[in-house]
Amino acid sequence: MLSGRPPFGGRSNKEIIDSVLKGSYSFSNPVWNDISKEAKDLISKLLERQADMRLTAEEAYNHPWIQRQKNKEFGEIHVDKQVFANMENYMNSV
């Protein structure tokens, strides 16, 4: 939701699913350039393949990035228009 694109690589749905199953992801796509390191840290911890190493719901809720977001006023949150275009392209490709 932050970038409108999943961090999993692949040119087809099968390749993307394979990346998900392998736990292979990357934030190297330019759409991730404006996403904070703190947000990427949260995502990485949520994508941890080992369940005992992955954040619990409570740990995710208490992550500094989430805590900063919940304290913002609604009008302060900016979502780039490209994010919506990316999401729409992804939905149309499935």
N, C-alpha and C. Protein backbone atom coordinates (compact mmCIF):
# COMPACT_ATOMS: atom_id res chain seq x y z
N MET A 1 0.81 -1.21 0.00
CA MET A 1 0.00 0.00 0.00
C MET A 1 0.85 1.27 0.00
N LEU A 2 2.05 1.18 0.53
CA LEU A 2 2.87 2.39 0.60
C LEU A 2 3.36 2.84 -0.76
N SER A 3 3.71 1.88 -1.60
CA SER A 3 4.25 2.24 -2.92
C SER A 3 3.29 1.89 -4.04
N GLY A 4 2.31 1.05 -3.75
CA GLY A 4 1.41 0.60 -4.80
C GLY A 4 1.94 -0.60 -5.55
N ARG A 5 3.11 -1.07 -5.17
CA ARG A 5 3.71 -2.25 -5.79
C ARG A 5 4.23 -3.18 -4.70
N PRO A 6 4.09 -4.48 -4.93
CA PRO A 6 4.65 -5.40 -3.95
C PRO A 6 6.17 -5.40 -4.06
N PRO A 7 6.86 -5.72 -2.97
CA PRO A 7 8.33 -5.75 -3.03
C PRO A 7 8.86 -7.05 -3.65
N PHE A 8 7.96 -7.91 -4.09
CA PHE A 8 8.37 -9.18 -4.67
C PHE A 8 8.54 -9.03 -6.17
N GLY A 9 9.66 -9.52 -6.68
CA GLY A 9 9.93 -9.41 -8.10
C GLY A 9 9.25 -10.50 -8.89
N GLY A 10 9.15 -10.27 -10.18
CA GLY A 10 8.60 -11.25 -11.10
C GLY A 10 7.87 -10.58 -12.23
N ARG A 11 7.94 -11.21 -13.39
CA ARG A 11 7.26 -10.65 -14.56
C ARG A 11 5.88 -11.25 -14.77
N SER A 12 5.60 -12.30 -14.05
CA SER A 12 4.29 -12.95 -14.16
C SER A 12 3.80 -13.26 -12.75
N ASN A 13 2.53 -13.59 -12.65
CA ASN A 13 1.99 -13.94 -11.33
C ASN A 13 2.73 -15.14 -10.74
N LYS A 14 3.08 -16.11 -11.59
CA LYS A 14 3.80 -17.29 -11.11
C LYS A 14 5.16 -16.89 -10.53
N GLU A 15 5.89 -16.03 -11.24
CA GLU A 15 7.19 -15.57 -10.74
C GLU A 15 7.05 -14.80 -9.43
N ILE A 16 6.02 -13.99 -9.33
CA ILE A 16 5.79 -13.22 -8.10
C ILE A 16 5.47 -14.18 -6.95
N ILE A 17 4.61 -15.15 -7.20
CA ILE A 17 4.26 -16.14 -6.16
C ILE A 17 5.51 -16.92 -5.75
N ASP A 18 6.35 -17.29 -6.71
CA ASP A 18 7.60 -17.98 -6.39
C ASP A 18 8.48 -17.12 -5.48
N SER A 19 8.55 -15.83 -5.77
CA SER A 19 9.33 -14.91 -4.93
C SER A 19 8.75 -14.84 -3.52
N VAL A 20 7.43 -14.81 -3.43
CA VAL A 20 6.77 -14.78 -2.12
C VAL A 20 7.12 -16.04 -1.35
N LEU A 21 7.00 -17.19 -2.00
CA LEU A 21 7.26 -18.46 -1.33
C LEU A 21 8.72 -18.59 -0.88
N LYS A 22 9.63 -18.01 -1.66
CA LYS A 22 11.05 -18.05 -1.30
C LYS A 22 11.40 -16.98 -0.27
N GLY A 23 10.52 -16.03 -0.09
CA GLY A 23 10.82 -14.91 0.82
C GLY A 23 11.80 -13.94 0.19
N SER A 24 11.81 -13.92 -1.13
CA SER A 24 12.74 -13.06 -1.87
C SER A 24 12.05 -11.74 -2.24
N TYR A 25 12.50 -10.66 -1.61
CA TYR A 25 11.91 -9.36 -1.91
C TYR A 25 13.01 -8.30 -1.94
N SER A 26 12.65 -7.17 -2.50
CA SER A 26 13.62 -6.09 -2.64
C SER A 26 12.89 -4.75 -2.68
N PHE A 27 13.55 -3.75 -2.18
CA PHE A 27 13.01 -2.39 -2.24
C PHE A 27 13.78 -1.57 -3.28
N SER A 28 14.35 -2.24 -4.28
CA SER A 28 15.20 -1.55 -5.26
C SER A 28 14.41 -0.85 -6.37
N ASN A 29 13.14 -1.22 -6.57
CA ASN A 29 12.33 -0.55 -7.57
C ASN A 29 12.21 0.93 -7.19
N PRO A 30 12.31 1.82 -8.17
CA PRO A 30 12.23 3.26 -7.88
C PRO A 30 10.98 3.70 -7.11
N VAL A 31 9.89 2.93 -7.17
CA VAL A 31 8.67 3.32 -6.44
C VAL A 31 8.91 3.30 -4.93
N TRP A 32 9.96 2.61 -4.48
CA TRP A 32 10.26 2.52 -3.06
C TRP A 32 11.20 3.64 -2.59
N ASN A 33 11.69 4.47 -3.51
CA ASN A 33 12.66 5.51 -3.15
C ASN A 33 12.14 6.50 -2.12
N ASP A 34 10.87 6.82 -2.18
CA ASP A 34 10.31 7.82 -1.26
C ASP A 34 9.72 7.21 0.01
N ILE A 35 9.85 5.90 0.15
CA ILE A 35 9.35 5.22 1.34
C ILE A 35 10.46 5.26 2.39
N SER A 36 10.13 5.66 3.59
CA SER A 36 11.14 5.82 4.64
C SER A 36 11.80 4.50 5.01
N LYS A 37 13.03 4.61 5.52
CA LYS A 37 13.76 3.43 6.00
C LYS A 37 12.99 2.75 7.13
N GLU A 38 12.35 3.56 7.93
CA GLU A 38 11.58 3.03 9.06
C GLU A 38 10.39 2.20 8.57
N ALA A 39 9.71 2.65 7.52
CA ALA A 39 8.58 1.89 6.96
C ALA A 39 9.09 0.60 6.32
N LYS A 40 10.22 0.68 5.62
CA LYS A 40 10.81 -0.52 5.02
C LYS A 40 11.25 -1.50 6.09
N ASP A 41 11.72 -1.00 7.22
CA ASP A 41 12.09 -1.86 8.33
C ASP A 41 10.88 -2.64 8.82
N LEU A 42 9.76 -1.96 8.99
CA LEU A 42 8.53 -2.62 9.42
C LEU A 42 8.12 -3.69 8.42
N ILE A 43 8.11 -3.35 7.15
CA ILE A 43 7.72 -4.31 6.11
C ILE A 43 8.63 -5.53 6.15
N SER A 44 9.93 -5.29 6.25
CA SER A 44 10.89 -6.40 6.30
C SER A 44 10.61 -7.32 7.48
N LYS A 45 10.31 -6.74 8.60
CA LYS A 45 10.04 -7.54 9.80
C LYS A 45 8.71 -8.29 9.69
N LEU A 46 7.78 -7.76 8.93
CA LEU A 46 6.51 -8.45 8.72
C LEU A 46 6.62 -9.55 7.66
N LEU A 47 7.61 -9.43 6.79
CA LEU A 47 7.82 -10.43 5.73
C LEU A 47 8.80 -11.53 6.12
N GLU A 48 9.26 -11.51 7.35
CA GLU A 48 10.19 -12.54 7.84
C GLU A 48 9.56 -13.92 7.64
N ARG A 49 10.29 -14.82 6.98
CA ARG A 49 9.76 -16.16 6.70
C ARG A 49 9.61 -17.00 7.95
N GLN A 50 10.55 -16.89 8.88
CA GLN A 50 10.49 -17.67 10.10
C GLN A 50 9.46 -17.05 11.04
N ALA A 51 8.41 -17.79 11.31
CA ALA A 51 7.31 -17.27 12.12
C ALA A 51 7.77 -16.79 13.49
N ASP A 52 8.72 -17.49 14.09
CA ASP A 52 9.16 -17.08 15.43
C ASP A 52 10.03 -15.82 15.40
N MET A 53 10.47 -15.43 14.22
CA MET A 53 11.25 -14.20 14.06
C MET A 53 10.39 -13.04 13.55
N ARG A 54 9.23 -13.34 13.00
CA ARG A 54 8.33 -12.34 12.45
C ARG A 54 7.66 -11.55 13.57
N LEU A 55 7.38 -10.29 13.32
CA LEU A 55 6.68 -9.47 14.32
C LEU A 55 5.29 -10.02 14.61
N THR A 56 4.92 -9.97 15.86
CA THR A 56 3.54 -10.26 16.23
C THR A 56 2.70 -9.02 15.90
N ALA A 57 1.39 -9.16 15.98
CA ALA A 57 0.52 -8.02 15.73
C ALA A 57 0.82 -6.90 16.72
N GLU A 58 1.03 -7.26 17.98
CA GLU A 58 1.33 -6.25 18.99
C GLU A 58 2.66 -5.56 18.71
N GLU A 59 3.67 -6.33 18.33
CA GLU A 59 4.97 -5.74 18.02
C GLU A 59 4.87 -4.82 16.81
N ALA A 60 4.10 -5.24 15.81
CA ALA A 60 3.92 -4.40 14.62
C ALA A 60 3.21 -3.10 15.01
N TYR A 61 2.18 -3.21 15.82
CA TYR A 61 1.44 -2.03 16.27
C TYR A 61 2.35 -1.07 17.03
N ASN A 62 3.28 -1.60 17.78
CA ASN A 62 4.18 -0.77 18.57
C ASN A 62 5.43 -0.32 17.82
N HIS A 63 5.56 -0.73 16.57
CA HIS A 63 6.72 -0.32 15.77
C HIS A 63 6.70 1.22 15.66
N PRO A 64 7.88 1.84 15.72
CA PRO A 64 7.94 3.31 15.67
C PRO A 64 7.23 3.93 14.47
N TRP A 65 7.29 3.29 13.30
CA TRP A 65 6.65 3.87 12.12
C TRP A 65 5.13 3.91 12.31
N ILE A 66 4.55 2.83 12.81
CA ILE A 66 3.10 2.79 13.06
C ILE A 66 2.72 3.85 14.09
N GLN A 67 3.49 3.94 15.14
CA GLN A 67 3.18 4.90 16.19
C GLN A 67 3.21 6.33 15.67
N ARG A 68 4.16 6.64 14.79
CA ARG A 68 4.20 7.99 14.21
C ARG A 68 2.99 8.23 13.30
N GLN A 69 2.59 7.21 12.55
CA GLN A 69 1.46 7.37 11.63
C GLN A 69 0.15 7.56 12.38
N LYS A 70 -0.03 6.83 13.46
CA LYS A 70 -1.31 6.94 14.19
C LYS A 70 -1.45 8.29 14.87
N ASN A 71 -0.34 8.97 15.09
CA ASN A 71 -0.39 10.28 15.74
C ASN A 71 -0.55 11.43 14.76
N LYS A 72 -0.54 11.12 13.46
CA LYS A 72 -0.72 12.17 12.46
C LYS A 72 -2.19 12.47 12.27
N GLU A 73 -2.45 13.69 11.93
CA GLU A 73 -3.80 14.07 11.55
C GLU A 73 -4.06 13.53 10.15
N PHE A 74 -5.31 13.22 9.84
CA PHE A 74 -5.65 12.63 8.56
C PHE A 74 -5.13 13.47 7.39
N GLY A 75 -5.26 14.76 7.46
CA GLY A 75 -4.84 15.64 6.38
C GLY A 75 -3.34 15.68 6.16
N GLU A 76 -2.55 15.21 7.11
CA GLU A 76 -1.10 15.24 6.99
C GLU A 76 -0.53 14.11 6.14
N ILE A 77 -1.33 13.08 5.90
CA ILE A 77 -0.84 11.91 5.19
C ILE A 77 -0.93 12.15 3.69
N HIS A 78 0.20 12.02 3.02
CA HIS A 78 0.27 12.23 1.58
C HIS A 78 0.49 10.91 0.87
N VAL A 79 -0.36 10.62 -0.11
CA VAL A 79 -0.18 9.44 -0.93
C VAL A 79 -0.01 9.91 -2.37
N ASP A 80 1.13 9.58 -2.96
CA ASP A 80 1.43 9.98 -4.32
C ASP A 80 0.42 9.35 -5.28
N LYS A 81 0.01 10.08 -6.30
CA LYS A 81 -0.96 9.57 -7.27
C LYS A 81 -0.44 8.31 -7.97
N GLN A 82 0.87 8.21 -8.11
CA GLN A 82 1.45 7.04 -8.77
C GLN A 82 1.16 5.75 -7.99
N VAL A 83 1.01 5.87 -6.67
CA VAL A 83 0.68 4.70 -5.85
C VAL A 83 -0.65 4.11 -6.31
N PHE A 84 -1.64 4.95 -6.53
CA PHE A 84 -2.94 4.47 -6.97
C PHE A 84 -2.86 3.87 -8.37
N ALA A 85 -2.07 4.48 -9.23
CA ALA A 85 -1.88 3.93 -10.57
C ALA A 85 -1.19 2.57 -10.50
N ASN A 86 -0.20 2.44 -9.63
CA ASN A 86 0.49 1.16 -9.46
C ASN A 86 -0.47 0.08 -8.97
N MET A 87 -1.30 0.43 -8.00
CA MET A 87 -2.26 -0.54 -7.47
C MET A 87 -3.27 -0.96 -8.54
N GLU A 88 -3.73 -0.01 -9.32
CA GLU A 88 -4.68 -0.31 -10.37
C GLU A 88 -4.04 -1.22 -11.43
N ASN A 89 -2.81 -0.93 -11.80
CA ASN A 89 -2.10 -1.78 -12.77
C ASN A 89 -1.94 -3.18 -12.23
N TYR A 90 -1.60 -3.30 -10.95
CA TYR A 90 -1.44 -4.61 -10.33
C TYR A 90 -2.76 -5.37 -10.32
N MET A 91 -3.83 -4.71 -9.93
CA MET A 91 -5.14 -5.37 -9.88
C MET A 91 -5.57 -5.84 -11.27
N ASN A 92 -5.26 -5.05 -12.28
CA ASN A 92 -5.64 -5.42 -13.65
C ASN A 92 -4.80 -6.57 -14.19
N SER A 93 -3.63 -6.79 -13.60
CA SER A 93 -2.75 -7.85 -14.09
C SER A 93 -3.04 -9.20 -13.46
N VAL A 94 -3.81 -9.19 -12.38
CA VAL A 94 -4.10 -10.45 -11.67
C VAL A 94 -5.19 -11.23 -12.36
